[in-house]
Amino acid sequence: MTDTLPDAAVLDAALQMIDVWNRLSPEKQALLLKRFGTQENALAALVTTQMLAPAIS
């Protein structure tokens, strides 16, 4: 499979959300884990949110 622009955008969003995750307080991480079950699911939700409604910088 070759890299395409959408693939690069998804990867970029995922890397940004991992950075966001790492900066969250332990309490906020715990809330997301409770809601989504696993860190992977929580990160997927963050990435999806970012892809659908990018944050305004």
N, C-alpha and C. Protein backbone atom coordinates (compact mmCIF):
# COMPACT_ATOMS: atom_id res chain seq x y z
N MET A 1 0.84 -1.17 0.00
CA MET A 1 0.00 0.00 0.00
C MET A 1 0.89 1.24 0.00
N THR A 2 0.55 2.23 -0.79
CA THR A 2 1.35 3.44 -0.85
C THR A 2 0.72 4.52 0.00
N ASP A 3 1.56 5.45 0.45
CA ASP A 3 1.06 6.58 1.22
C ASP A 3 0.30 7.52 0.31
N THR A 4 -0.86 7.93 0.77
CA THR A 4 -1.62 8.93 0.05
C THR A 4 -1.87 10.09 0.99
N LEU A 5 -2.35 11.19 0.47
CA LEU A 5 -2.60 12.36 1.30
C LEU A 5 -3.54 12.04 2.46
N PRO A 6 -4.65 11.33 2.24
CA PRO A 6 -5.51 11.01 3.39
C PRO A 6 -4.78 10.17 4.45
N ASP A 7 -3.95 9.23 4.02
CA ASP A 7 -3.19 8.42 4.98
C ASP A 7 -2.28 9.31 5.81
N ALA A 8 -1.63 10.26 5.17
CA ALA A 8 -0.74 11.18 5.88
C ALA A 8 -1.53 12.03 6.86
N ALA A 9 -2.73 12.45 6.48
CA ALA A 9 -3.57 13.26 7.37
C ALA A 9 -4.00 12.46 8.59
N VAL A 10 -4.36 11.20 8.39
CA VAL A 10 -4.75 10.35 9.52
C VAL A 10 -3.56 10.12 10.45
N LEU A 11 -2.40 9.85 9.89
CA LEU A 11 -1.20 9.65 10.69
C LEU A 11 -0.86 10.91 11.48
N ASP A 12 -0.94 12.05 10.83
CA ASP A 12 -0.66 13.32 11.50
C ASP A 12 -1.64 13.55 12.65
N ALA A 13 -2.92 13.30 12.40
CA ALA A 13 -3.93 13.46 13.45
C ALA A 13 -3.67 12.50 14.60
N ALA A 14 -3.29 11.27 14.29
CA ALA A 14 -3.02 10.28 15.33
C ALA A 14 -1.82 10.71 16.19
N LEU A 15 -0.78 11.19 15.56
CA LEU A 15 0.40 11.65 16.31
C LEU A 15 0.05 12.84 17.19
N GLN A 16 -0.77 13.74 16.68
CA GLN A 16 -1.20 14.89 17.48
C GLN A 16 -2.02 14.44 18.68
N MET A 17 -2.90 13.47 18.49
CA MET A 17 -3.75 13.01 19.59
C MET A 17 -2.96 12.24 20.63
N ILE A 18 -1.90 11.53 20.20
CA ILE A 18 -1.03 10.87 21.18
C ILE A 18 -0.34 11.93 22.03
N ASP A 19 0.08 13.02 21.39
CA ASP A 19 0.67 14.12 22.14
C ASP A 19 -0.35 14.72 23.11
N VAL A 20 -1.58 14.91 22.65
CA VAL A 20 -2.64 15.43 23.53
C VAL A 20 -2.84 14.48 24.70
N TRP A 21 -2.93 13.18 24.42
CA TRP A 21 -3.12 12.17 25.46
C TRP A 21 -2.03 12.28 26.53
N ASN A 22 -0.80 12.39 26.07
CA ASN A 22 0.34 12.45 27.00
C ASN A 22 0.32 13.70 27.86
N ARG A 23 -0.34 14.76 27.40
CA ARG A 23 -0.42 15.99 28.18
C ARG A 23 -1.65 16.06 29.08
N LEU A 24 -2.57 15.11 28.93
CA LEU A 24 -3.77 15.09 29.79
C LEU A 24 -3.38 14.73 31.21
N SER A 25 -4.14 15.27 32.14
CA SER A 25 -3.93 14.90 33.54
C SER A 25 -4.33 13.44 33.73
N PRO A 26 -3.81 12.78 34.75
CA PRO A 26 -4.22 11.40 35.02
C PRO A 26 -5.73 11.27 35.22
N GLU A 27 -6.35 12.30 35.79
CA GLU A 27 -7.80 12.25 36.00
C GLU A 27 -8.55 12.25 34.67
N LYS A 28 -8.12 13.08 33.74
CA LYS A 28 -8.78 13.13 32.43
C LYS A 28 -8.53 11.85 31.64
N GLN A 29 -7.33 11.30 31.75
CA GLN A 29 -7.06 10.02 31.10
C GLN A 29 -7.96 8.94 31.67
N ALA A 30 -8.13 8.94 32.99
CA ALA A 30 -8.99 7.94 33.64
C ALA A 30 -10.43 8.07 33.17
N LEU A 31 -10.92 9.31 33.00
CA LEU A 31 -12.28 9.51 32.51
C LEU A 31 -12.45 8.96 31.10
N LEU A 32 -11.46 9.23 30.24
CA LEU A 32 -11.53 8.72 28.88
C LEU A 32 -11.45 7.19 28.85
N LEU A 33 -10.60 6.62 29.70
CA LEU A 33 -10.50 5.16 29.77
C LEU A 33 -11.81 4.56 30.25
N LYS A 34 -12.45 5.20 31.21
CA LYS A 34 -13.73 4.70 31.72
C LYS A 34 -14.78 4.74 30.61
N ARG A 35 -14.77 5.81 29.83
CA ARG A 35 -15.78 5.96 28.78
C ARG A 35 -15.53 5.02 27.60
N PHE A 36 -14.25 4.87 27.19
CA PHE A 36 -13.95 4.14 25.97
C PHE A 36 -13.35 2.75 26.19
N GLY A 37 -13.02 2.42 27.42
CA GLY A 37 -12.58 1.06 27.73
C GLY A 37 -11.09 0.82 27.65
N THR A 38 -10.44 1.31 26.60
CA THR A 38 -9.01 1.12 26.44
C THR A 38 -8.37 2.42 25.94
N GLN A 39 -7.07 2.52 26.11
CA GLN A 39 -6.36 3.69 25.61
C GLN A 39 -6.48 3.75 24.09
N GLU A 40 -6.42 2.62 23.43
CA GLU A 40 -6.52 2.59 21.97
C GLU A 40 -7.87 3.15 21.52
N ASN A 41 -8.95 2.74 22.19
CA ASN A 41 -10.27 3.25 21.83
C ASN A 41 -10.38 4.74 22.12
N ALA A 42 -9.82 5.19 23.23
CA ALA A 42 -9.86 6.61 23.57
C ALA A 42 -9.09 7.43 22.54
N LEU A 43 -7.92 6.93 22.15
CA LEU A 43 -7.14 7.64 21.12
C LEU A 43 -7.87 7.64 19.78
N ALA A 44 -8.52 6.52 19.43
CA ALA A 44 -9.30 6.47 18.19
C ALA A 44 -10.41 7.50 18.21
N ALA A 45 -11.05 7.66 19.35
CA ALA A 45 -12.11 8.67 19.48
C ALA A 45 -11.54 10.07 19.33
N LEU A 46 -10.38 10.33 19.94
CA LEU A 46 -9.75 11.63 19.80
C LEU A 46 -9.36 11.91 18.35
N VAL A 47 -8.80 10.90 17.67
CA VAL A 47 -8.40 11.07 16.28
C VAL A 47 -9.63 11.34 15.41
N THR A 48 -10.68 10.56 15.62
CA THR A 48 -11.91 10.74 14.84
C THR A 48 -12.46 12.14 15.04
N THR A 49 -12.49 12.58 16.29
CA THR A 49 -12.98 13.93 16.58
C THR A 49 -12.13 14.97 15.86
N GLN A 50 -10.82 14.79 15.90
CA GLN A 50 -9.91 15.72 15.24
C GLN A 50 -10.13 15.73 13.73
N MET A 51 -10.35 14.56 13.14
CA MET A 51 -10.52 14.48 11.70
C MET A 51 -11.86 15.09 11.27
N LEU A 52 -12.89 14.96 12.10
CA LEU A 52 -14.21 15.48 11.74
C LEU A 52 -14.36 16.96 12.03
N ALA A 53 -13.70 17.43 13.08
CA ALA A 53 -13.81 18.84 13.47
C ALA A 53 -12.46 19.30 13.98
N PRO A 54 -11.53 19.59 13.09
CA PRO A 54 -10.19 20.00 13.51
C PRO A 54 -10.24 21.20 14.45
N ALA A 55 -9.34 21.16 15.42
CA ALA A 55 -9.27 22.24 16.41
C ALA A 55 -8.80 23.51 15.72
N ILE A 56 -9.33 24.61 16.19
CA ILE A 56 -8.92 25.91 15.67
C ILE A 56 -7.71 26.37 16.48
N SER A 57 -6.63 26.61 15.79
CA SER A 57 -5.39 27.01 16.47
C SER A 57 -5.32 28.51 16.63
